[in-house]
Protein backbone atom coordinates (compact mmCIF):
# COMPACT_ATOMS: atom_id res chain seq x y z
CA UNK A 1 25.92 1.85 -71.75
CA UNK A 2 23.98 -0.39 -69.28
CA UNK A 3 24.41 1.93 -66.30
CA UNK A 4 23.09 4.62 -68.70
CA UNK A 5 20.14 2.85 -69.79
CA UNK A 6 19.43 1.99 -66.05
CA UNK A 7 19.38 5.65 -65.31
CA UNK A 8 16.97 6.46 -68.11
CA UNK A 9 14.72 3.92 -66.86
CA UNK A 10 14.79 5.11 -63.10
CA UNK A 11 14.02 8.62 -64.26
CA UNK A 12 11.17 7.55 -66.45
CA UNK A 13 9.73 5.48 -63.60
CA UNK A 14 9.81 8.48 -61.43
CA UNK A 15 8.19 10.70 -63.87
CA UNK A 16 5.28 8.35 -64.35
CA UNK A 17 3.27 9.09 -61.26
CA UNK A 18 3.79 12.79 -61.87
CA UNK A 19 2.56 12.65 -65.37
CA UNK A 20 -0.57 10.33 -64.09
CA UNK A 21 -1.40 12.94 -61.37
CA UNK A 22 -1.12 15.94 -63.89
CA UNK A 23 -3.57 14.21 -66.33
CA UNK A 24 -5.98 13.49 -63.60
CA UNK A 25 -6.06 17.18 -62.25
CA UNK A 26 -9.46 18.92 -62.90
CA UNK A 27 -8.81 22.22 -64.81
CA UNK A 28 -12.67 23.41 -64.41
CA UNK A 29 -12.50 23.35 -60.38
CA UNK A 30 -8.73 23.44 -59.90
CA UNK A 31 -9.22 20.14 -57.75
CA UNK A 32 -11.70 22.09 -55.37
CA UNK A 33 -14.45 19.91 -56.24
CA UNK A 34 -16.71 22.94 -56.98
CA UNK A 35 -17.29 25.73 -59.13
CA UNK A 36 -18.74 29.26 -58.57
CA UNK A 37 -22.27 29.68 -59.68
CA UNK A 38 -22.48 32.02 -62.88
CA UNK A 39 -25.94 33.12 -62.09
CA UNK A 40 -24.84 34.89 -58.61
CA UNK A 41 -21.72 36.53 -59.91
CA UNK A 42 -23.93 39.82 -60.66
CA UNK A 43 -25.67 39.33 -56.98
CA UNK A 44 -22.66 40.14 -54.81
CA UNK A 45 -23.78 41.42 -51.51
CA UNK A 46 -21.82 44.47 -50.48
CA UNK A 47 -21.43 44.98 -46.44
CA UNK A 48 -18.93 46.73 -44.42
CA UNK A 49 -20.47 45.46 -41.09
CA UNK A 50 -21.04 41.78 -42.47
CA UNK A 51 -24.28 39.95 -42.79
CA UNK A 52 -25.57 36.52 -42.37
CA UNK A 53 -28.33 35.91 -45.12
CA UNK A 54 -29.81 37.73 -47.94
CA UNK A 55 -32.74 36.67 -49.74
CA UNK A 56 -31.75 38.06 -53.12
CA UNK A 57 -28.75 35.82 -52.99
CA UNK A 58 -30.61 32.79 -51.74
CA UNK A 59 -33.24 33.10 -54.54
CA UNK A 60 -30.89 31.36 -57.14
CA UNK A 61 -32.40 28.60 -58.57
CA UNK A 62 -29.11 27.07 -59.44
CA UNK A 63 -27.15 27.04 -56.09
CA UNK A 64 -29.69 27.93 -53.47
CA UNK A 65 -27.65 31.07 -52.36
CA UNK A 66 -24.54 29.00 -51.47
CA UNK A 67 -22.78 30.56 -54.56
CA UNK A 68 -21.19 27.47 -55.17
CA UNK A 69 -22.10 24.26 -57.60
CA UNK A 70 -20.52 20.80 -57.44
CA UNK A 71 -17.96 20.26 -60.23
CA UNK A 72 -19.44 18.10 -63.02
CA UNK A 73 -16.25 17.74 -64.70
CA UNK A 74 -14.66 15.48 -61.91
CA UNK A 75 -15.68 13.12 -59.13
CA UNK A 76 -14.00 15.01 -56.46
CA UNK A 77 -15.68 15.91 -53.27
CA UNK A 78 -16.37 19.74 -52.72
CA UNK A 79 -14.38 21.75 -50.25
CA UNK A 80 -17.62 23.09 -48.84
CA UNK A 81 -20.62 20.95 -47.68
CA UNK A 82 -22.66 22.39 -50.52
CA UNK A 83 -25.79 20.16 -49.75
CA UNK A 84 -25.76 21.27 -46.07
CA UNK A 85 -25.36 24.90 -46.86
CA UNK A 86 -28.08 24.79 -49.23
CA UNK A 87 -30.63 23.31 -46.62
CA UNK A 88 -29.67 25.73 -44.02
CA UNK A 89 -30.31 28.64 -46.44
CA UNK A 90 -33.81 27.01 -47.35
CA UNK A 91 -34.64 26.69 -43.71
CA UNK A 92 -33.58 30.24 -42.93
CA UNK A 93 -35.99 31.38 -45.97
CA UNK A 94 -38.81 29.69 -44.28
CA UNK A 95 -38.50 31.85 -41.23
CA UNK A 96 -39.65 34.77 -43.47
CA UNK A 97 -42.54 33.20 -44.59
CA UNK A 98 -44.80 34.56 -42.16
CA UNK A 99 -44.07 38.01 -43.23
CA UNK A 100 -44.50 37.53 -46.67
CA UNK A 101 -47.63 35.67 -46.35
CA UNK A 102 -49.17 38.27 -44.02
CA UNK A 103 -48.39 41.01 -46.45
CA UNK A 104 -49.42 38.67 -49.38
CA UNK A 105 -46.19 39.38 -51.00
CA UNK A 106 -43.25 37.47 -52.58
CA UNK A 107 -40.66 40.09 -53.54
CA UNK A 108 -39.86 41.54 -50.04
CA UNK A 109 -36.05 41.56 -49.59
CA UNK A 110 -34.78 39.82 -46.43
CA UNK A 111 -31.34 40.55 -44.89
CA UNK A 112 -30.05 39.34 -41.51
CA UNK A 113 -26.90 40.66 -39.79
CA UNK A 114 -25.73 39.68 -36.43
CA UNK A 115 -28.08 41.92 -34.37
CA UNK A 116 -30.79 42.94 -36.87
CA UNK A 117 -33.31 41.46 -39.30
CA UNK A 118 -34.33 43.61 -42.00
CA UNK A 119 -37.56 43.38 -44.28
CA UNK A 120 -36.90 45.68 -47.15
CA UNK A 121 -39.59 46.73 -49.61
CA UNK A 122 -38.27 49.73 -51.68
CA UNK A 123 -38.11 49.85 -55.40
CA UNK A 124 -35.63 52.69 -55.48
CA UNK A 125 -32.44 53.16 -53.39
CA UNK A 126 -33.16 55.87 -50.79
CA UNK A 127 -29.15 56.39 -50.55
CA UNK A 128 -27.75 58.25 -53.43
CA UNK A 129 -24.48 56.28 -52.99
CA UNK A 130 -26.21 53.12 -53.50
CA UNK A 131 -26.72 51.60 -56.91
CA UNK A 132 -30.47 50.11 -56.11
CA UNK A 133 -32.57 48.68 -53.43
CA UNK A 134 -30.26 45.50 -52.91
CA UNK A 135 -27.39 47.61 -52.05
CA UNK A 136 -29.37 50.21 -49.95
CA UNK A 137 -30.66 47.45 -47.78
CA UNK A 138 -27.28 46.34 -46.83
CA UNK A 139 -26.00 49.83 -46.55
CA UNK A 140 -29.08 50.51 -43.99
CA UNK A 141 -27.92 47.31 -41.92
CA UNK A 142 -24.44 48.67 -41.68
CA UNK A 143 -25.74 51.89 -40.19
CA UNK A 144 -27.65 49.95 -37.68
CA UNK A 145 -24.84 47.65 -36.75
CA UNK A 146 -22.71 50.95 -36.43
CA UNK A 147 -25.13 52.36 -34.24
CA UNK A 148 -25.53 49.26 -31.85
CA UNK A 149 -21.75 49.43 -31.61
CA UNK A 150 -21.62 52.95 -30.60
CA UNK A 151 -24.27 52.32 -28.16
CA UNK A 152 -22.23 49.25 -26.58
CA UNK A 153 -19.26 51.93 -26.20
CA UNK A 154 -21.57 54.70 -25.08
CA UNK A 155 -23.21 52.59 -22.54
CA UNK A 156 -20.65 49.89 -21.45
CA UNK A 157 -23.22 47.16 -21.70
CA UNK A 158 -21.86 43.44 -22.48
CA UNK A 159 -23.53 41.21 -24.94
CA UNK A 160 -25.25 39.28 -22.05
CA UNK A 161 -26.85 42.71 -20.91
CA UNK A 162 -28.69 43.04 -24.28
CA UNK A 163 -32.09 40.83 -24.62
CA UNK A 164 -32.18 40.14 -28.58
CA UNK A 165 -32.21 41.18 -32.16
CA UNK A 166 -34.19 44.21 -33.37
CA UNK A 167 -36.52 43.70 -36.41
CA UNK A 168 -36.62 46.41 -39.11
CA UNK A 169 -39.33 47.06 -41.76
CA UNK A 170 -38.86 49.54 -44.50
CA UNK A 171 -41.79 49.81 -46.53
CA UNK A 172 -42.59 52.26 -49.91
CA UNK A 173 -46.33 51.69 -49.18
CA UNK A 174 -48.46 53.34 -46.56
CA UNK A 175 -50.85 50.53 -46.80
CA UNK A 176 -48.07 48.01 -45.85
CA UNK A 177 -46.65 50.13 -43.28
CA UNK A 178 -49.98 50.49 -41.74
CA UNK A 179 -50.62 46.77 -41.91
CA UNK A 180 -47.20 45.83 -40.59
CA UNK A 181 -47.25 48.41 -37.60
CA UNK A 182 -50.32 47.29 -36.30
CA UNK A 183 -49.17 43.45 -36.19
CA UNK A 184 -45.47 44.01 -35.02
CA UNK A 185 -45.45 47.06 -33.19
CA UNK A 186 -48.73 47.18 -31.89
CA UNK A 187 -49.09 50.86 -33.09
CA UNK A 188 -50.92 51.76 -36.16
CA UNK A 189 -49.14 54.28 -38.25
CA UNK A 190 -48.73 55.24 -41.80
CA UNK A 191 -45.25 56.83 -41.17
CA UNK A 192 -43.05 55.80 -38.30
CA UNK A 193 -43.93 52.96 -35.37
CA UNK A 194 -41.73 51.19 -32.98
CA UNK A 195 -41.89 48.53 -30.13
CA UNK A 196 -39.38 48.58 -27.45
CA UNK A 197 -38.32 45.97 -24.77
CA UNK A 198 -36.93 42.80 -25.12
CA UNK A 199 -37.74 42.11 -28.86
CA UNK A 200 -37.73 45.73 -30.40
CA UNK A 201 -39.36 46.56 -33.97
CA UNK A 202 -39.05 49.56 -35.92
CA UNK A 203 -41.31 50.06 -39.04
CA UNK A 204 -41.45 53.04 -41.36
CA UNK A 205 -42.59 54.07 -44.42
CA UNK A 206 -40.14 55.98 -46.83
CA UNK A 207 -41.07 58.58 -49.33
CA UNK A 208 -44.14 59.64 -47.43
CA UNK A 209 -44.83 61.57 -44.46
CA UNK A 210 -41.96 62.49 -42.23
CA UNK A 211 -39.58 60.29 -43.91
CA UNK A 212 -39.30 61.44 -47.41
CA UNK A 213 -35.61 61.35 -48.23
CA UNK A 214 -32.11 60.09 -47.34
CA UNK A 215 -31.58 62.65 -44.45
CA UNK A 216 -35.05 61.98 -43.02
CA UNK A 217 -34.32 58.07 -43.18
CA UNK A 218 -31.01 58.52 -41.51
CA UNK A 219 -32.38 60.82 -38.76
CA UNK A 220 -35.38 58.66 -38.14
CA UNK A 221 -33.53 55.36 -38.08
CA UNK A 222 -30.62 56.45 -35.85
CA UNK A 223 -33.08 58.31 -33.52
CA UNK A 224 -35.62 55.28 -33.12
CA UNK A 225 -32.60 52.79 -32.83
CA UNK A 226 -31.52 54.69 -29.62
CA UNK A 227 -34.78 54.40 -28.01
CA UNK A 228 -34.89 50.65 -28.90
CA UNK A 229 -31.49 49.81 -27.65
CA UNK A 230 -31.75 51.48 -24.49
CA UNK A 231 -34.77 49.88 -23.83
CA UNK A 232 -33.46 46.49 -24.81
CA UNK A 233 -30.79 46.51 -22.07
CA UNK A 234 -30.51 44.91 -18.79
CA UNK A 235 -34.15 44.59 -17.65
CA UNK A 236 -35.38 45.63 -21.04
CA UNK A 237 -37.45 48.49 -19.55
CA UNK A 238 -38.50 51.78 -21.60
CA UNK A 239 -37.12 54.52 -19.50
CA UNK A 240 -39.12 56.85 -21.14
CA UNK A 241 -42.40 55.30 -19.23
CA UNK A 242 -40.24 55.16 -15.96
CA UNK A 243 -39.74 58.85 -14.97
CA UNK A 244 -36.64 58.85 -16.79
CA UNK A 245 -37.51 60.52 -20.13
CA UNK A 246 -34.45 63.01 -20.13
CA UNK A 247 -32.19 59.90 -20.67
CA UNK A 248 -34.57 58.29 -23.05
CA UNK A 249 -34.96 61.11 -25.45
CA UNK A 250 -31.65 62.85 -24.46
CA UNK A 251 -29.81 59.93 -26.03
CA UNK A 252 -31.94 59.41 -29.11
CA UNK A 253 -31.02 63.23 -29.68
CA UNK A 254 -27.41 62.60 -28.96
CA UNK A 255 -27.27 59.78 -31.45
CA UNK A 256 -29.26 61.93 -34.19
CA UNK A 257 -26.63 64.85 -33.66
CA UNK A 258 -23.56 62.85 -33.69
CA UNK A 259 -24.53 61.04 -36.65
CA UNK A 260 -26.22 63.84 -38.94
CA UNK A 261 -25.04 66.88 -36.91
CA UNK A 262 -28.42 68.17 -36.45
CA UNK A 263 -31.86 66.97 -34.86
CA UNK A 264 -35.23 66.75 -36.50
CA UNK A 265 -37.14 63.74 -34.67
CA UNK A 266 -39.07 64.96 -31.65
CA UNK A 267 -41.04 61.96 -30.29
CA UNK A 268 -44.69 62.45 -28.79
CA UNK A 269 -44.96 65.85 -29.74
CA UNK A 270 -48.20 67.07 -31.20
CA UNK A 271 -48.08 68.65 -34.60
CA UNK A 272 -48.90 72.00 -33.11
CA UNK A 273 -45.75 71.78 -30.95
CA UNK A 274 -43.90 70.88 -33.92
CA UNK A 275 -45.06 73.70 -36.09
CA UNK A 276 -43.64 76.19 -33.30
CA UNK A 277 -40.29 74.58 -32.99
CA UNK A 278 -37.25 76.76 -33.36
CA UNK A 279 -34.35 75.71 -35.55
CA UNK A 280 -31.92 75.45 -32.88
CA UNK A 281 -28.34 74.44 -33.03
CA UNK A 282 -28.06 72.55 -30.07
CA UNK A 283 -24.78 73.22 -28.54
CA UNK A 284 -24.89 77.06 -28.99
CA UNK A 285 -28.35 77.33 -27.70
CA UNK A 286 -27.36 75.49 -24.38
CA UNK A 287 -24.29 77.41 -24.17
CA UNK A 288 -26.30 80.67 -24.42
CA UNK A 289 -28.47 79.64 -21.83
CA UNK A 290 -25.71 78.94 -19.38
CA UNK A 291 -24.35 82.33 -20.12
CA UNK A 292 -27.78 83.78 -19.52
CA UNK A 293 -28.51 82.01 -16.57
CA UNK A 294 -31.40 80.35 -18.60
CA UNK A 295 -30.83 76.68 -17.57
CA UNK A 296 -33.32 73.84 -16.62
CA UNK A 297 -31.44 71.87 -14.25
CA UNK A 298 -30.89 68.32 -14.20
CA UNK A 299 -33.20 67.95 -11.02
CA UNK A 300 -36.23 69.69 -12.86
CA UNK A 301 -36.13 66.85 -15.48
CA UNK A 302 -36.43 64.11 -12.94
CA UNK A 303 -39.44 62.11 -12.52
CA UNK A 304 -40.84 63.28 -15.96
CA UNK A 305 -41.64 60.67 -19.06
CA UNK A 306 -40.37 61.45 -22.47
CA UNK A 307 -44.27 62.52 -23.50
CA UNK A 308 -44.20 65.14 -20.71
CA UNK A 309 -40.78 66.92 -21.77
CA UNK A 310 -41.17 70.11 -23.73
CA UNK A 311 -38.62 70.78 -26.74
CA UNK A 312 -36.75 72.93 -24.32
CA UNK A 313 -36.39 70.52 -21.68
CA UNK A 314 -35.36 67.74 -24.44
CA UNK A 315 -32.67 70.53 -25.26
CA UNK A 316 -31.25 70.19 -22.04
CA UNK A 317 -31.65 66.55 -21.52
CA UNK A 318 -29.53 66.25 -24.78
CA UNK A 319 -27.02 68.09 -23.05
CA UNK A 320 -26.93 66.36 -19.85
CA UNK A 321 -26.44 63.09 -21.74
CA UNK A 322 -23.76 64.63 -23.86
CA UNK A 323 -21.85 65.55 -20.44
CA UNK A 324 -22.44 61.75 -19.28
CA UNK A 325 -21.06 60.00 -22.27
CA UNK A 326 -18.15 62.36 -22.95
CA UNK A 327 -17.05 63.10 -19.34
CA UNK A 328 -18.06 59.44 -17.86
CA UNK A 329 -16.96 57.16 -20.82
CA UNK A 330 -19.00 53.58 -20.72
CA UNK A 331 -21.13 54.86 -17.68
CA UNK A 332 -24.52 55.71 -19.48
CA UNK A 333 -25.56 51.95 -19.07
CA UNK A 334 -24.99 51.66 -15.27
CA UNK A 335 -27.03 55.22 -15.06
CA UNK A 336 -29.64 53.42 -17.18
CA UNK A 337 -29.76 50.48 -15.10
CA UNK A 338 -30.51 52.38 -11.75
CA UNK A 339 -32.91 54.56 -13.43
CA UNK A 340 -35.02 51.22 -14.54
CA UNK A 341 -35.50 50.36 -11.14
CA UNK A 342 -37.59 53.60 -10.67
CA UNK A 343 -34.84 55.22 -8.71
CA UNK A 344 -34.61 58.83 -8.69
CA UNK A 345 -32.19 60.88 -11.06
CA UNK A 346 -30.14 62.11 -8.06
CA UNK A 347 -29.58 58.43 -6.75
CA UNK A 348 -28.84 57.22 -10.18
CA UNK A 349 -26.09 59.93 -10.88
CA UNK A 350 -24.69 59.18 -7.08
CA UNK A 351 -24.69 55.22 -7.98
CA UNK A 352 -23.43 55.49 -11.63
CA UNK A 353 -21.17 58.55 -11.63
CA UNK A 354 -19.98 58.50 -7.96
CA UNK A 355 -21.17 62.24 -7.77
CA UNK A 356 -23.73 63.79 -6.10
CA UNK A 357 -26.49 65.64 -8.17
CA UNK A 358 -25.41 69.10 -7.00
CA UNK A 359 -21.56 68.40 -7.91
CA UNK A 360 -22.61 66.95 -11.46
CA UNK A 361 -24.70 70.20 -12.15
CA UNK A 362 -21.72 72.37 -11.33
CA UNK A 363 -19.44 70.15 -13.35
CA UNK A 364 -21.73 70.14 -16.11
CA UNK A 365 -21.91 73.88 -16.20
CA UNK A 366 -18.13 74.10 -16.25
CA UNK A 367 -18.17 71.61 -18.93
CA UNK A 368 -20.51 73.47 -20.98
CA UNK A 369 -18.50 76.71 -20.77
CA UNK A 370 -15.26 74.89 -21.86
CA UNK A 371 -16.88 72.74 -24.67
CA UNK A 372 -19.62 74.23 -26.62
CA UNK A 373 -19.43 77.39 -28.64
CA UNK A 374 -22.00 80.15 -27.79
CA UNK A 375 -24.43 81.26 -30.39
CA UNK A 376 -23.74 84.94 -31.87
CA UNK A 377 -26.46 87.24 -31.17
């Protein structure tokens, strides 16, 4: 009997600490020391490519954008340093103050990703698949990050080869567009403006002018991003002003065609020239030119700035860039690097692709015949 009693007392002694631990656990936070912010539950940021900060989430008066609050039901230390994160987000929000104050606005949506800074001021989503402006802003940043990743693959550039992030502005008001473009792109425009080089900026107005719907926005953004990314690489020199317009505009058309299946953005063309443009199917038109012997050779494009290129010259510039990217993967950057030094196209082709200009031209002709489908007459 004594042995049984001693055994029972031993079992009870072992159970007491476990019971005590169970009594002190927190059912509210599950012993994490923090609970999810209820006010932020409906402000989730949906992003495929990831983002760093979003002013909509950061604007929560309870958590300051951290999305977590210290548990008030227990004294446990939070798993995250909530105070530090809240201070960091507040400091980030202060970096956007100059934009808000310049436009005299407090409701501009700001979202940052790894390589882009977006100021978004549309009251409705420009994307049919997005439920509202907040989701649309993240969707737009995903598009930009995807375009940059494609540029890196096309060009072969390394992270160190790109000078910095790109600032994007999307406005719903022509007045705000004109004001912002004048300050940050140094070009007053009520539709689209950009600043290229080491700190690229793109500012556009959606719903007006040439950017009226989702398709227009996608065309314009992808095209202008191509210009900015090319100008941001290596020495941060705009090829379109260094007698290498065929690469500058050719790549912008290439990105547009790849993303949307068509081309509708033509930089530096007058309204009269735009009105006379034919609705070309690029591959078919180039294939027809090769079949009929009506080719604008690459040597004829060498030495021309983007503004000097005619629509038909841009058509062939697109095809030459298409051939470089698909036949010489990852060498576009090497080609651009030589052209930034204001070397002739013949030297750039020889250095970057290890072929003479004449051999490249012959190879391009063969490649077009094998790759493009000719247009039916």
